[in-house]
Amino acid sequence: MRIIQTTILSLKQKQSLFELWNSEYPKKIGYNELSEFEDYLDGLLEIKHYLLMNDQNTILGWAFTFVREEEDWFGIIIDSNIHGRGFGTLLLNELKKHKSILNGWATNHQNDFKQNNEPYLSPIEFYSKNGFIVNENIRMENEKISAVKIRWERI
């Protein structure tokens, strides 16, 4: 496995990330069309992509950083077939090399389901193990997501 850093995605990469997003994130925050996903990406400021690639150049994980309201934010998705093997931590550590603060949103419940109807498991424990602080008092609540803010700071 290797990590490729880029600011510009090819159409093939966007298609792979669109499929990864829709298969691994809760179906409520999925996208119906690639163009909707592209619109989401186009709306992010100063975006940098970190693609976890296998030897066949298949994307098995993706992390990205961007700026929102003058803060550094991130997102991460790992193919569930390789969960628990350290690749999520590998991607997070790559982000941490380039940023001193990372903010994100994470579900802290088990109420959501993926498109294949498997439960979407909360990643809170994963983030806590990787040095993130969970702020239960800062929440995002809407029809698509119920999440708490997580934050990592280099000490």
N, C-alpha and C. Protein backbone atom coordinates (compact mmCIF):
# COMPACT_ATOMS: atom_id res chain seq x y z
N MET A 1 0.85 -1.19 0.00
CA MET A 1 0.00 0.00 0.00
C MET A 1 0.89 1.25 0.00
N ARG A 2 0.40 2.25 -0.69
CA ARG A 2 1.11 3.53 -0.72
C ARG A 2 0.09 4.65 -0.69
N ILE A 3 0.55 5.82 -0.27
CA ILE A 3 -0.31 7.00 -0.21
C ILE A 3 0.15 7.98 -1.29
N ILE A 4 -0.79 8.41 -2.10
CA ILE A 4 -0.55 9.40 -3.13
C ILE A 4 -1.24 10.69 -2.69
N GLN A 5 -0.50 11.79 -2.67
CA GLN A 5 -1.07 13.09 -2.32
C GLN A 5 -1.30 13.89 -3.60
N THR A 6 -2.47 14.52 -3.70
CA THR A 6 -2.79 15.32 -4.89
C THR A 6 -3.82 16.39 -4.55
N THR A 7 -3.86 17.41 -5.36
CA THR A 7 -4.91 18.43 -5.22
C THR A 7 -5.93 18.31 -6.34
N ILE A 8 -5.58 17.55 -7.38
CA ILE A 8 -6.47 17.38 -8.53
C ILE A 8 -6.72 15.89 -8.74
N LEU A 9 -7.99 15.54 -8.87
CA LEU A 9 -8.38 14.15 -9.08
C LEU A 9 -8.74 13.91 -10.53
N SER A 10 -8.37 12.76 -11.05
CA SER A 10 -8.82 12.37 -12.38
C SER A 10 -10.28 11.94 -12.29
N LEU A 11 -10.94 11.84 -13.42
CA LEU A 11 -12.33 11.38 -13.45
C LEU A 11 -12.43 9.97 -12.88
N LYS A 12 -11.47 9.12 -13.21
CA LYS A 12 -11.46 7.75 -12.68
C LYS A 12 -11.32 7.75 -11.17
N GLN A 13 -10.45 8.61 -10.64
CA GLN A 13 -10.30 8.71 -9.18
C GLN A 13 -11.57 9.22 -8.53
N LYS A 14 -12.20 10.24 -9.13
CA LYS A 14 -13.47 10.75 -8.58
C LYS A 14 -14.52 9.66 -8.56
N GLN A 15 -14.60 8.88 -9.61
CA GLN A 15 -15.58 7.79 -9.68
C GLN A 15 -15.30 6.77 -8.56
N SER A 16 -14.05 6.42 -8.35
CA SER A 16 -13.68 5.48 -7.29
C SER A 16 -14.04 6.03 -5.92
N LEU A 17 -13.77 7.32 -5.70
CA LEU A 17 -14.06 7.94 -4.40
C LEU A 17 -15.57 8.07 -4.18
N PHE A 18 -16.31 8.38 -5.22
CA PHE A 18 -17.77 8.43 -5.17
C PHE A 18 -18.31 7.06 -4.73
N GLU A 19 -17.79 6.00 -5.32
CA GLU A 19 -18.23 4.64 -4.97
C GLU A 19 -17.82 4.28 -3.55
N LEU A 20 -16.61 4.65 -3.15
CA LEU A 20 -16.14 4.39 -1.79
C LEU A 20 -17.02 5.13 -0.77
N TRP A 21 -17.28 6.41 -1.03
CA TRP A 21 -18.14 7.23 -0.17
C TRP A 21 -19.49 6.55 0.00
N ASN A 22 -20.11 6.18 -1.11
CA ASN A 22 -21.46 5.61 -1.06
C ASN A 22 -21.50 4.22 -0.44
N SER A 23 -20.41 3.47 -0.52
CA SER A 23 -20.44 2.14 0.07
C SER A 23 -20.08 2.14 1.55
N GLU A 24 -19.30 3.11 2.01
CA GLU A 24 -18.80 3.07 3.39
C GLU A 24 -19.46 4.06 4.34
N TYR A 25 -19.93 5.18 3.85
CA TYR A 25 -20.58 6.16 4.73
C TYR A 25 -22.06 5.82 4.87
N PRO A 26 -22.74 6.39 5.88
CA PRO A 26 -24.19 6.14 6.00
C PRO A 26 -24.92 6.54 4.72
N LYS A 27 -25.93 5.74 4.35
CA LYS A 27 -26.63 6.00 3.09
C LYS A 27 -27.32 7.35 3.09
N LYS A 28 -27.65 7.90 4.26
CA LYS A 28 -28.30 9.22 4.32
C LYS A 28 -27.41 10.33 3.79
N ILE A 29 -26.09 10.14 3.81
CA ILE A 29 -25.20 11.19 3.30
C ILE A 29 -24.56 10.79 1.97
N GLY A 30 -25.12 9.78 1.33
CA GLY A 30 -24.64 9.35 0.03
C GLY A 30 -25.05 10.30 -1.08
N TYR A 31 -24.47 10.10 -2.23
CA TYR A 31 -24.77 10.90 -3.41
C TYR A 31 -25.37 10.00 -4.47
N ASN A 32 -26.40 10.51 -5.17
CA ASN A 32 -27.04 9.74 -6.23
C ASN A 32 -26.26 9.78 -7.54
N GLU A 33 -25.63 10.90 -7.80
CA GLU A 33 -24.92 11.10 -9.06
C GLU A 33 -23.49 11.56 -8.79
N LEU A 34 -22.59 11.17 -9.67
CA LEU A 34 -21.20 11.62 -9.56
C LEU A 34 -21.13 13.15 -9.57
N SER A 35 -21.98 13.79 -10.35
CA SER A 35 -21.95 15.26 -10.44
C SER A 35 -22.26 15.91 -9.09
N GLU A 36 -23.12 15.31 -8.29
CA GLU A 36 -23.41 15.83 -6.94
C GLU A 36 -22.18 15.73 -6.05
N PHE A 37 -21.49 14.61 -6.15
CA PHE A 37 -20.26 14.40 -5.39
C PHE A 37 -19.20 15.41 -5.82
N GLU A 38 -19.08 15.62 -7.14
CA GLU A 38 -18.13 16.60 -7.65
C GLU A 38 -18.46 18.01 -7.15
N ASP A 39 -19.74 18.34 -7.09
CA ASP A 39 -20.16 19.65 -6.56
C ASP A 39 -19.73 19.81 -5.11
N TYR A 40 -19.87 18.73 -4.31
CA TYR A 40 -19.42 18.77 -2.92
C TYR A 40 -17.92 19.07 -2.87
N LEU A 41 -17.14 18.32 -3.63
CA LEU A 41 -15.68 18.52 -3.63
C LEU A 41 -15.31 19.92 -4.11
N ASP A 42 -15.98 20.40 -5.15
CA ASP A 42 -15.70 21.73 -5.69
C ASP A 42 -15.99 22.84 -4.70
N GLY A 43 -16.86 22.58 -3.73
CA GLY A 43 -17.22 23.57 -2.72
C GLY A 43 -16.25 23.65 -1.56
N LEU A 44 -15.27 22.75 -1.51
CA LEU A 44 -14.30 22.74 -0.41
C LEU A 44 -13.10 23.60 -0.77
N LEU A 45 -12.63 24.39 0.18
CA LEU A 45 -11.50 25.29 -0.03
C LEU A 45 -10.18 24.61 0.32
N GLU A 46 -9.18 24.86 -0.47
CA GLU A 46 -7.81 24.37 -0.23
C GLU A 46 -7.77 22.86 0.01
N ILE A 47 -8.48 22.11 -0.80
CA ILE A 47 -8.57 20.66 -0.60
C ILE A 47 -7.29 19.95 -1.05
N LYS A 48 -6.88 18.99 -0.23
CA LYS A 48 -5.76 18.09 -0.55
C LYS A 48 -6.25 16.68 -0.32
N HIS A 49 -5.97 15.80 -1.26
CA HIS A 49 -6.40 14.41 -1.20
C HIS A 49 -5.22 13.51 -0.89
N TYR A 50 -5.47 12.48 -0.10
CA TYR A 50 -4.49 11.46 0.23
C TYR A 50 -5.14 10.12 -0.12
N LEU A 51 -4.65 9.50 -1.19
CA LEU A 51 -5.26 8.27 -1.70
C LEU A 51 -4.43 7.07 -1.28
N LEU A 52 -5.06 6.11 -0.60
CA LEU A 52 -4.42 4.87 -0.22
C LEU A 52 -4.61 3.88 -1.36
N MET A 53 -3.51 3.53 -2.02
CA MET A 53 -3.57 2.71 -3.24
C MET A 53 -2.87 1.37 -3.00
N ASN A 54 -3.46 0.32 -3.56
CA ASN A 54 -2.79 -0.98 -3.52
C ASN A 54 -1.90 -1.12 -4.76
N ASP A 55 -1.29 -2.29 -4.91
CA ASP A 55 -0.36 -2.51 -6.02
C ASP A 55 -1.05 -2.51 -7.38
N GLN A 56 -2.37 -2.71 -7.40
CA GLN A 56 -3.12 -2.68 -8.65
C GLN A 56 -3.69 -1.29 -8.94
N ASN A 57 -3.25 -0.28 -8.18
CA ASN A 57 -3.71 1.11 -8.30
C ASN A 57 -5.20 1.27 -8.00
N THR A 58 -5.73 0.41 -7.15
CA THR A 58 -7.10 0.54 -6.68
C THR A 58 -7.09 1.39 -5.41
N ILE A 59 -8.00 2.34 -5.33
CA ILE A 59 -8.11 3.18 -4.14
C ILE A 59 -8.88 2.41 -3.06
N LEU A 60 -8.22 2.17 -1.94
CA LEU A 60 -8.85 1.45 -0.82
C LEU A 60 -9.10 2.36 0.37
N GLY A 61 -8.59 3.57 0.31
CA GLY A 61 -8.80 4.53 1.38
C GLY A 61 -8.56 5.93 0.85
N TRP A 62 -9.19 6.86 1.51
CA TRP A 62 -9.09 8.26 1.08
C TRP A 62 -9.22 9.15 2.30
N ALA A 63 -8.29 10.06 2.43
CA ALA A 63 -8.41 11.12 3.43
C ALA A 63 -8.25 12.43 2.68
N PHE A 64 -8.87 13.46 3.20
CA PHE A 64 -8.76 14.77 2.56
C PHE A 64 -8.82 15.84 3.62
N THR A 65 -8.10 16.92 3.36
CA THR A 65 -8.12 18.08 4.24
C THR A 65 -8.65 19.26 3.44
N PHE A 66 -9.26 20.19 4.17
CA PHE A 66 -9.80 21.39 3.54
C PHE A 66 -9.96 22.45 4.62
N VAL A 67 -10.23 23.67 4.18
CA VAL A 67 -10.41 24.79 5.11
C VAL A 67 -11.89 25.17 5.13
N ARG A 68 -12.43 25.29 6.34
CA ARG A 68 -13.80 25.75 6.54
C ARG A 68 -13.78 26.74 7.70
N GLU A 69 -14.29 27.92 7.45
CA GLU A 69 -14.34 28.97 8.48
C GLU A 69 -12.98 29.16 9.14
N GLU A 70 -11.94 29.21 8.30
CA GLU A 70 -10.57 29.47 8.71
C GLU A 70 -9.99 28.41 9.63
N GLU A 71 -10.55 27.20 9.61
CA GLU A 71 -10.02 26.07 10.38
C GLU A 71 -9.72 24.91 9.42
N ASP A 72 -8.73 24.09 9.80
CA ASP A 72 -8.40 22.90 9.02
C ASP A 72 -9.32 21.75 9.42
N TRP A 73 -9.98 21.18 8.42
CA TRP A 73 -10.91 20.07 8.61
C TRP A 73 -10.43 18.88 7.79
N PHE A 74 -10.99 17.72 8.07
CA PHE A 74 -10.62 16.53 7.33
C PHE A 74 -11.79 15.57 7.24
N GLY A 75 -11.66 14.64 6.32
CA GLY A 75 -12.56 13.50 6.21
C GLY A 75 -11.71 12.29 5.87
N ILE A 76 -12.21 11.11 6.18
CA ILE A 76 -11.46 9.89 5.89
C ILE A 76 -12.45 8.74 5.66
N ILE A 77 -12.12 7.90 4.70
CA ILE A 77 -12.92 6.71 4.41
C ILE A 77 -11.95 5.57 4.09
N ILE A 78 -12.19 4.42 4.71
CA ILE A 78 -11.40 3.23 4.44
C ILE A 78 -12.35 2.13 3.99
N ASP A 79 -11.98 1.42 2.95
CA ASP A 79 -12.76 0.27 2.50
C ASP A 79 -12.92 -0.70 3.68
N SER A 80 -14.15 -1.09 3.97
CA SER A 80 -14.41 -1.93 5.15
C SER A 80 -13.70 -3.27 5.08
N ASN A 81 -13.31 -3.71 3.89
CA ASN A 81 -12.58 -4.97 3.76
C ASN A 81 -11.18 -4.91 4.36
N ILE A 82 -10.67 -3.70 4.61
CA ILE A 82 -9.32 -3.59 5.20
C ILE A 82 -9.35 -2.86 6.55
N HIS A 83 -10.53 -2.72 7.15
CA HIS A 83 -10.60 -2.13 8.50
C HIS A 83 -9.80 -2.98 9.48
N GLY A 84 -9.26 -2.31 10.48
CA GLY A 84 -8.56 -3.01 11.55
C GLY A 84 -7.14 -3.43 11.23
N ARG A 85 -6.61 -2.97 10.11
CA ARG A 85 -5.25 -3.34 9.71
C ARG A 85 -4.26 -2.19 9.80
N GLY A 86 -4.68 -1.06 10.37
CA GLY A 86 -3.77 0.06 10.56
C GLY A 86 -3.73 1.07 9.42
N PHE A 87 -4.52 0.86 8.37
CA PHE A 87 -4.46 1.77 7.23
C PHE A 87 -5.13 3.11 7.52
N GLY A 88 -6.16 3.13 8.36
CA GLY A 88 -6.78 4.39 8.77
C GLY A 88 -5.80 5.23 9.57
N THR A 89 -5.09 4.59 10.49
CA THR A 89 -4.08 5.29 11.27
C THR A 89 -2.96 5.79 10.37
N LEU A 90 -2.57 4.98 9.38
CA LEU A 90 -1.54 5.39 8.42
C LEU A 90 -1.96 6.67 7.70
N LEU A 91 -3.20 6.72 7.24
CA LEU A 91 -3.69 7.92 6.56
C LEU A 91 -3.76 9.12 7.51
N LEU A 92 -4.28 8.90 8.72
CA LEU A 92 -4.35 10.00 9.69
C LEU A 92 -2.95 10.54 10.00
N ASN A 93 -1.99 9.65 10.16
CA ASN A 93 -0.62 10.10 10.44
C ASN A 93 -0.05 10.92 9.29
N GLU A 94 -0.43 10.58 8.07
CA GLU A 94 0.00 11.38 6.92
C GLU A 94 -0.60 12.79 6.99
N LEU A 95 -1.88 12.88 7.35
CA LEU A 95 -2.51 14.20 7.50
C LEU A 95 -1.81 15.00 8.59
N LYS A 96 -1.49 14.34 9.69
CA LYS A 96 -0.86 15.01 10.84
C LYS A 96 0.53 15.55 10.50
N LYS A 97 1.20 14.96 9.51
CA LYS A 97 2.50 15.48 9.08
C LYS A 97 2.36 16.86 8.45
N HIS A 98 1.19 17.14 7.87
CA HIS A 98 1.00 18.36 7.09
C HIS A 98 0.15 19.42 7.80
N LYS A 99 -0.48 19.05 8.90
CA LYS A 99 -1.37 19.97 9.63
C LYS A 99 -1.06 19.90 11.11
N SER A 100 -1.26 21.01 11.82
CA SER A 100 -1.06 21.01 13.27
C SER A 100 -2.38 20.87 14.02
N ILE A 101 -3.48 21.08 13.32
CA ILE A 101 -4.82 20.92 13.90
C ILE A 101 -5.70 20.27 12.84
N LEU A 102 -6.52 19.33 13.27
CA LEU A 102 -7.51 18.70 12.39
C LEU A 102 -8.85 18.67 13.10
N ASN A 103 -9.88 19.14 12.42
CA ASN A 103 -11.25 19.10 12.93
C ASN A 103 -12.07 18.18 12.05
N GLY A 104 -13.03 17.51 12.65
CA GLY A 104 -13.91 16.65 11.88
C GLY A 104 -15.22 16.41 12.60
N TRP A 105 -16.10 15.72 11.92
CA TRP A 105 -17.37 15.29 12.50
C TRP A 105 -17.39 13.77 12.52
N ALA A 106 -17.91 13.20 13.59
CA ALA A 106 -18.01 11.74 13.68
C ALA A 106 -19.29 11.37 14.40
N THR A 107 -19.94 10.34 13.91
CA THR A 107 -21.13 9.85 14.61
C THR A 107 -20.69 9.18 15.90
N ASN A 108 -21.50 9.33 16.92
CA ASN A 108 -21.20 8.69 18.21
C ASN A 108 -22.36 7.78 18.62
N HIS A 109 -22.97 7.17 17.62
CA HIS A 109 -24.10 6.26 17.85
C HIS A 109 -24.05 5.17 16.79
N GLN A 110 -24.91 4.20 16.90
CA GLN A 110 -24.96 3.08 15.94
C GLN A 110 -26.32 3.06 15.23
N ASN A 111 -26.89 4.22 14.94
CA ASN A 111 -28.25 4.28 14.38
C ASN A 111 -28.31 4.36 12.86
N ASP A 112 -27.17 4.51 12.19
CA ASP A 112 -27.16 4.68 10.75
C ASP A 112 -26.80 3.37 10.05
N PHE A 113 -27.22 3.29 8.79
CA PHE A 113 -26.94 2.11 7.98
C PHE A 113 -26.29 2.52 6.67
N LYS A 114 -25.42 1.63 6.17
CA LYS A 114 -24.79 1.86 4.88
C LYS A 114 -25.76 1.44 3.78
N GLN A 115 -25.40 1.71 2.53
CA GLN A 115 -26.29 1.38 1.41
C GLN A 115 -26.61 -0.11 1.33
N ASN A 116 -25.69 -0.96 1.80
CA ASN A 116 -25.93 -2.41 1.76
C ASN A 116 -26.74 -2.89 2.98
N ASN A 117 -27.24 -1.92 3.76
CA ASN A 117 -28.05 -2.16 4.97
C ASN A 117 -27.27 -2.73 6.14
N GLU A 118 -25.94 -2.76 6.06
CA GLU A 118 -25.13 -3.10 7.23
C GLU A 118 -25.07 -1.86 8.12
N PRO A 119 -24.96 -2.07 9.44
CA PRO A 119 -24.85 -0.91 10.33
C PRO A 119 -23.58 -0.11 10.04
N TYR A 120 -23.70 1.21 10.13
CA TYR A 120 -22.52 2.08 10.06
C TYR A 120 -22.03 2.21 11.49
N LEU A 121 -20.84 1.70 11.75
CA LEU A 121 -20.30 1.70 13.10
C LEU A 121 -19.62 3.03 13.40
N SER A 122 -19.89 3.56 14.58
CA SER A 122 -19.28 4.82 14.99
C SER A 122 -17.76 4.70 15.01
N PRO A 123 -17.05 5.68 14.45
CA PRO A 123 -15.59 5.66 14.47
C PRO A 123 -14.98 6.36 15.69
N ILE A 124 -15.78 6.72 16.67
CA ILE A 124 -15.29 7.51 17.82
C ILE A 124 -14.11 6.82 18.51
N GLU A 125 -14.20 5.52 18.74
CA GLU A 125 -13.11 4.81 19.42
C GLU A 125 -11.82 4.89 18.60
N PHE A 126 -11.93 4.73 17.29
CA PHE A 126 -10.77 4.84 16.40
C PHE A 126 -10.12 6.22 16.54
N TYR A 127 -10.93 7.27 16.50
CA TYR A 127 -10.37 8.62 16.61
C TYR A 127 -9.75 8.86 17.98
N SER A 128 -10.39 8.39 19.02
CA SER A 128 -9.84 8.55 20.37
C SER A 128 -8.48 7.87 20.48
N LYS A 129 -8.35 6.67 19.93
CA LYS A 129 -7.07 5.95 19.94
C LYS A 129 -5.99 6.71 19.19
N ASN A 130 -6.41 7.53 18.23
CA ASN A 130 -5.46 8.28 17.40
C ASN A 130 -5.27 9.72 17.87
N GLY A 131 -5.60 9.99 19.14
CA GLY A 131 -5.28 11.27 19.75
C GLY A 131 -6.29 12.39 19.57
N PHE A 132 -7.48 12.07 19.05
CA PHE A 132 -8.51 13.09 18.88
C PHE A 132 -9.31 13.25 20.16
N ILE A 133 -9.70 14.49 20.42
CA ILE A 133 -10.58 14.81 21.54
C ILE A 133 -12.00 14.89 20.99
N VAL A 134 -12.92 14.24 21.68
CA VAL A 134 -14.33 14.27 21.28
C VAL A 134 -15.02 15.36 22.08
N ASN A 135 -15.64 16.31 21.40
CA ASN A 135 -16.36 17.39 22.07
C ASN A 135 -17.86 17.12 21.93
N GLU A 136 -18.42 16.47 22.93
CA GLU A 136 -19.84 16.10 22.92
C GLU A 136 -20.76 17.33 22.90
N ASN A 137 -20.23 18.49 23.30
CA ASN A 137 -21.05 19.70 23.38
C ASN A 137 -21.19 20.42 22.04
N ILE A 138 -20.38 20.04 21.05
CA ILE A 138 -20.49 20.64 19.73
C ILE A 138 -21.01 19.56 18.79
N ARG A 139 -22.22 19.73 18.32
CA ARG A 139 -22.89 18.71 17.52
C ARG A 139 -23.38 19.28 16.20
N MET A 140 -23.46 18.39 15.22
CA MET A 140 -24.15 18.69 13.97
C MET A 140 -25.37 17.79 13.96
N GLU A 141 -26.53 18.41 13.92
CA GLU A 141 -27.79 17.67 13.92
C GLU A 141 -28.64 18.18 12.76
N ASN A 142 -28.91 17.31 11.79
CA ASN A 142 -29.83 17.66 10.72
C ASN A 142 -30.45 16.37 10.19
N GLU A 143 -31.20 16.47 9.10
CA GLU A 143 -31.90 15.29 8.58
C GLU A 143 -30.95 14.22 8.04
N LYS A 144 -29.70 14.59 7.77
CA LYS A 144 -28.75 13.64 7.20
C LYS A 144 -27.77 13.07 8.21
N ILE A 145 -27.44 13.84 9.24
CA ILE A 145 -26.36 13.40 10.12
C ILE A 145 -26.57 13.88 11.56
N SER A 146 -26.14 13.04 12.47
CA SER A 146 -26.06 13.38 13.88
C SER A 146 -24.63 13.04 14.30
N ALA A 147 -23.83 14.06 14.59
CA ALA A 147 -22.41 13.84 14.84
C ALA A 147 -21.87 14.82 15.87
N VAL A 148 -20.73 14.45 16.44
CA VAL A 148 -20.02 15.31 17.37
C VAL A 148 -18.73 15.79 16.72
N LYS A 149 -18.24 16.92 17.20
CA LYS A 149 -16.99 17.45 16.67
C LYS A 149 -15.82 16.71 17.32
N ILE A 150 -14.85 16.36 16.49
CA ILE A 150 -13.61 15.78 16.98
C ILE A 150 -12.48 16.70 16.57
N ARG A 151 -11.41 16.70 17.37
CA ARG A 151 -10.30 17.62 17.10
C ARG A 151 -8.98 17.01 17.57
N TRP A 152 -7.99 17.17 16.73
CA TRP A 152 -6.63 16.77 17.09
C TRP A 152 -5.73 18.00 16.97
N GLU A 153 -4.83 18.15 17.95
CA GLU A 153 -3.85 19.24 17.90
C GLU A 153 -2.48 18.67 18.19
N ARG A 154 -1.51 19.10 17.38
CA ARG A 154 -0.12 18.72 17.64
C ARG A 154 0.34 19.39 18.93
N ILE A 155 0.96 18.66 19.77
CA ILE A 155 1.43 19.21 21.07
C ILE A 155 2.90 19.55 20.94
